[in-house]
Protein backbone atom coordinates (compact mmCIF):
# COMPACT_ATOMS: atom_id res chain seq x y z
CA UNK A 1 -17.33 49.69 -11.14
CA UNK A 2 -14.98 49.38 -13.95
CA UNK A 3 -12.13 48.53 -11.05
CA UNK A 4 -13.93 46.08 -9.36
CA UNK A 5 -14.30 43.86 -12.75
CA UNK A 6 -10.70 44.57 -13.06
CA UNK A 7 -10.09 43.46 -9.50
CA UNK A 8 -12.25 40.78 -10.11
CA UNK A 9 -10.34 39.34 -13.43
CA UNK A 10 -6.77 39.80 -11.47
CA UNK A 11 -8.20 37.97 -8.49
CA UNK A 12 -9.92 34.88 -11.36
CA UNK A 13 -6.28 35.16 -12.89
CA UNK A 14 -4.82 34.64 -9.58
CA UNK A 15 -6.73 31.52 -8.40
CA UNK A 16 -6.39 29.85 -11.87
CA UNK A 17 -2.73 30.31 -11.97
CA UNK A 18 -2.56 29.08 -8.47
CA UNK A 19 -4.52 25.73 -9.18
CA UNK A 20 -2.48 24.91 -12.24
CA UNK A 21 0.57 25.05 -10.10
CA UNK A 22 -1.02 22.92 -7.85
CA UNK A 23 -1.70 20.80 -10.36
CA UNK A 24 1.61 20.23 -11.71
CA UNK A 25 2.93 19.70 -8.03
CA UNK A 26 0.55 16.83 -8.62
CA UNK A 27 1.01 14.97 -11.28
CA UNK A 28 4.73 14.97 -10.68
CA UNK A 29 4.39 13.42 -7.02
CA UNK A 30 1.97 10.95 -8.84
CA UNK A 31 4.09 10.03 -11.30
CA UNK A 32 6.19 6.58 -10.26
CA UNK A 33 9.76 6.76 -9.64
CA UNK A 34 12.34 5.31 -11.57
CA UNK A 35 13.89 2.23 -10.52
CA UNK A 36 17.70 0.63 -11.27
CA UNK A 37 18.39 -2.56 -13.11
CA UNK A 38 19.23 -4.56 -10.08
CA UNK A 39 16.72 -2.74 -7.81
CA UNK A 40 14.22 -4.32 -10.26
CA UNK A 41 15.37 -7.98 -10.63
CA UNK A 42 15.60 -8.24 -6.45
CA UNK A 43 11.74 -6.97 -6.49
CA UNK A 44 11.11 -9.64 -8.94
CA UNK A 45 10.28 -7.47 -12.00
CA UNK A 46 11.56 -8.11 -15.53
CA UNK A 47 13.40 -5.75 -17.49
CA UNK A 48 11.62 -5.05 -21.29
CA UNK A 49 13.59 -2.80 -23.64
CA UNK A 50 10.83 -0.74 -25.66
CA UNK A 51 11.91 0.93 -28.76
CA UNK A 52 12.25 4.86 -28.50
CA UNK A 53 11.31 4.94 -25.15
CA UNK A 54 14.68 2.90 -23.06
CA UNK A 55 13.81 -0.23 -20.79
CA UNK A 56 10.98 -0.45 -18.24
CA UNK A 57 10.94 -2.67 -15.34
CA UNK A 58 7.97 -4.81 -15.06
CA UNK A 59 6.97 -5.45 -11.59
CA UNK A 60 5.14 -8.77 -10.64
CA UNK A 61 2.24 -6.49 -9.82
CA UNK A 62 1.75 -5.39 -13.59
CA UNK A 63 3.24 -1.63 -13.16
CA UNK A 64 6.00 -0.41 -14.92
CA UNK A 65 8.77 2.01 -13.92
CA UNK A 66 11.37 3.73 -15.94
CA UNK A 67 14.95 1.98 -15.19
CA UNK A 68 17.73 4.92 -14.42
């Protein structure tokens, strides 16, 4: 009985760790990519400087991307 409980806890921990890893990968893939100043201007965007966070590109559709 005790062995079953330990195996169940190990399986639950492994499942949770796997779900956390998948969530981290998904979050990284969902984040917006960086853009250069030239690409921003070519896409019709506007370069905006923000204090403490660097410059961002604000595109006509309302989205913002970090400038590399």
